[in-house]
Amino acid sequence: MNSIVTNSNDSVTLRLMTEHDLAMLYEWLNRSHIVEWWGGEEARPTLADVQEQYLPSVLAQESVTPYIAMLNGEPIGYAQSYVALGSGDGWWEEETDPGVRGIDQLLANASQLGKGLGTKLVRALVELLFNDPEVTKIQTDPSPSNLRAIRCYEKAGFERQGTVTTPDGPAVYMVQTRQAFERTRSDA
């Protein structure tokens, strides 16, 4: 079975993550620029943690779809989407729309930050998700301190909706609706 996801945006593509990617993901999740925003020092995962928590079959049980972001055939990051409704553990408890998807992503190399690749990655992920007619809205929740991520989401078409309290602490609640996505596509 071909695991390549065909959506691309300015040469950033997404493919489904496989168990063969777990060692690479482990290494990425332990890089300082990622640790800062992906759980903090106390949450640095071991290889066993990554193998247990990020195995695609385990994530599928939690309605999470993991991807590897590619640029010119090389892996540059990780992304995941999930069904917000019923995501559990205190996340999005008031959500009632089964069409809402949450997203998270990271760029693997600190040298690639600030060059627009994060925005391209997010745009590719948004396009992929909205190809599913059941998806109504995509949401994300960066830390209020993560100004780079907030700006990335804004450039990718997300709008701030306020601050929310999450199990990870305060977050900027940002959304992109299907209507807004389709409007920007028709303007292009």
Foldseek 3Di string as FASTA:
>chain_A
DAQFDPFFFPQKGKGFDALVCLVVVLVLCQDPVNLVFPPHPVPNDDSVRSSVCVHQVNVVVLQKTKIFIDGPRHTFKIKIKGQQDPSDPQGPPVDDQRQEIEMDMDTRDPVCQPVLVLLRNVLSVVVSSVVPVSHFKYKYWGAPPPVSVVVSVVSNPWDFDAWDQGPVGITTIIMDGSVSVVVVVVVD
